[in-house]
Amino acid sequence: MKRYDLRPLKDNFYERMLQLIKDDIKDGENAIFLFEIGDFSPIQKSADLIYENGYTLMNSIKFNEVDWTIVVKKVEPEKKEIEDE
């Protein structure tokens, strides 16, 4: 498991996070990413990006008053089921 502090990137951490998962994390390995939450939109955006890029979000928690931590596993996520309307 590796830990990455993306707080210095402020709200511009998405590309770097995906690059680290792709290039620095082995298949099946977990990574912990720490970033600033600001207006809370980075939380959903990061979760969506992880899923869209074929990784699994294992955990997402508030670290302190301004920071958020997510745990990502480099494995394909379970497919989301679409509810019938």
Protein backbone atom coordinates (compact mmCIF):
# COMPACT_ATOMS: atom_id res chain seq x y z
CA MET A 1 0.00 0.00 0.00
CA LYS A 2 1.31 3.43 -0.94
CA ARG A 3 0.27 6.85 0.35
CA TYR A 4 0.24 10.05 -1.70
CA ASP A 5 -0.25 13.58 -0.42
CA LEU A 6 -1.94 15.57 -3.20
CA ARG A 7 -2.84 18.55 -0.99
CA PRO A 8 -0.23 20.86 -2.56
CA LEU A 9 -2.08 20.50 -5.90
CA LYS A 10 -5.27 22.01 -4.39
CA ASP A 11 -8.18 21.26 -6.81
CA ASN A 12 -5.87 20.18 -9.65
CA PHE A 13 -5.00 16.72 -8.37
CA TYR A 14 -7.19 14.50 -10.59
CA GLU A 15 -4.76 13.97 -13.46
CA ARG A 16 -1.88 13.31 -11.06
CA MET A 17 -3.96 10.84 -9.05
CA LEU A 18 -4.86 8.86 -12.18
CA GLN A 19 -1.25 8.92 -13.37
CA LEU A 20 -0.03 7.55 -10.04
CA ILE A 21 -2.59 4.75 -10.08
CA LYS A 22 -1.70 3.83 -13.65
CA ASP A 23 2.10 4.07 -13.39
CA ASP A 24 3.06 3.61 -9.73
CA ILE A 25 0.55 1.12 -8.32
CA LYS A 26 0.71 -2.58 -9.10
CA ASP A 27 -2.41 -4.50 -10.13
CA GLY A 28 -4.37 -5.47 -7.02
CA GLU A 29 -2.46 -2.99 -4.81
CA ASN A 30 -4.11 -0.26 -2.71
CA ALA A 31 -3.21 3.43 -2.66
CA ILE A 32 -4.18 6.14 -0.19
CA PHE A 33 -4.68 9.65 -1.56
CA LEU A 34 -4.96 12.74 0.62
CA PHE A 35 -6.43 15.93 -0.90
CA GLU A 36 -8.15 19.16 0.12
CA ILE A 37 -11.95 19.08 -0.05
CA GLY A 38 -12.79 22.78 -0.47
CA ASP A 39 -16.45 22.84 -1.53
CA PHE A 40 -16.82 19.02 -1.37
CA SER A 41 -17.14 18.65 -5.18
CA PRO A 42 -13.71 16.94 -5.42
CA ILE A 43 -15.08 14.02 -3.42
CA GLN A 44 -17.70 12.99 -5.98
CA LYS A 45 -15.51 13.93 -8.93
CA SER A 46 -12.64 11.76 -7.69
CA ALA A 47 -15.00 8.83 -7.05
CA ASP A 48 -16.44 9.16 -10.56
CA LEU A 49 -12.99 9.37 -12.17
CA ILE A 50 -11.78 6.30 -10.32
CA TYR A 51 -14.79 4.27 -11.46
CA GLU A 52 -14.67 5.59 -15.05
CA ASN A 53 -10.99 4.65 -15.33
CA GLY A 54 -11.55 1.07 -14.20
CA TYR A 55 -10.40 1.18 -10.57
CA THR A 56 -12.19 0.48 -7.28
CA LEU A 57 -12.86 3.04 -4.56
CA MET A 58 -12.45 1.14 -1.30
CA ASN A 59 -12.99 3.95 1.21
CA SER A 60 -13.59 7.68 1.41
CA ILE A 61 -13.32 9.54 4.72
CA LYS A 62 -12.87 13.03 6.11
CA PHE A 63 -9.34 13.26 7.46
CA ASN A 64 -9.68 16.58 9.29
CA GLU A 65 -11.47 19.92 8.76
CA VAL A 66 -10.01 20.57 5.30
CA ASP A 67 -8.63 17.26 4.02
CA TRP A 68 -10.16 14.08 2.61
CA THR A 69 -8.66 10.62 2.23
CA ILE A 70 -9.62 7.99 -0.32
CA VAL A 71 -8.37 4.44 -0.67
CA VAL A 72 -8.23 3.09 -4.21
CA LYS A 73 -7.57 -0.49 -5.28
CA LYS A 74 -6.14 -1.13 -8.73
CA VAL A 75 -8.75 -3.68 -9.74
CA GLU A 76 -11.75 -3.34 -12.00
CA PRO A 77 -14.83 -2.17 -10.08
CA GLU A 78 -18.05 -4.10 -9.86
CA LYS A 79 -20.47 -2.90 -12.52
CA LYS A 80 -23.17 -0.51 -11.33
CA GLU A 81 -26.65 -1.86 -11.74
CA ILE A 82 -29.07 0.41 -13.54
CA GLU A 83 -32.54 0.50 -12.01
CA ASP A 84 -35.46 -0.06 -14.37
CA GLU A 85 -37.67 2.98 -14.63
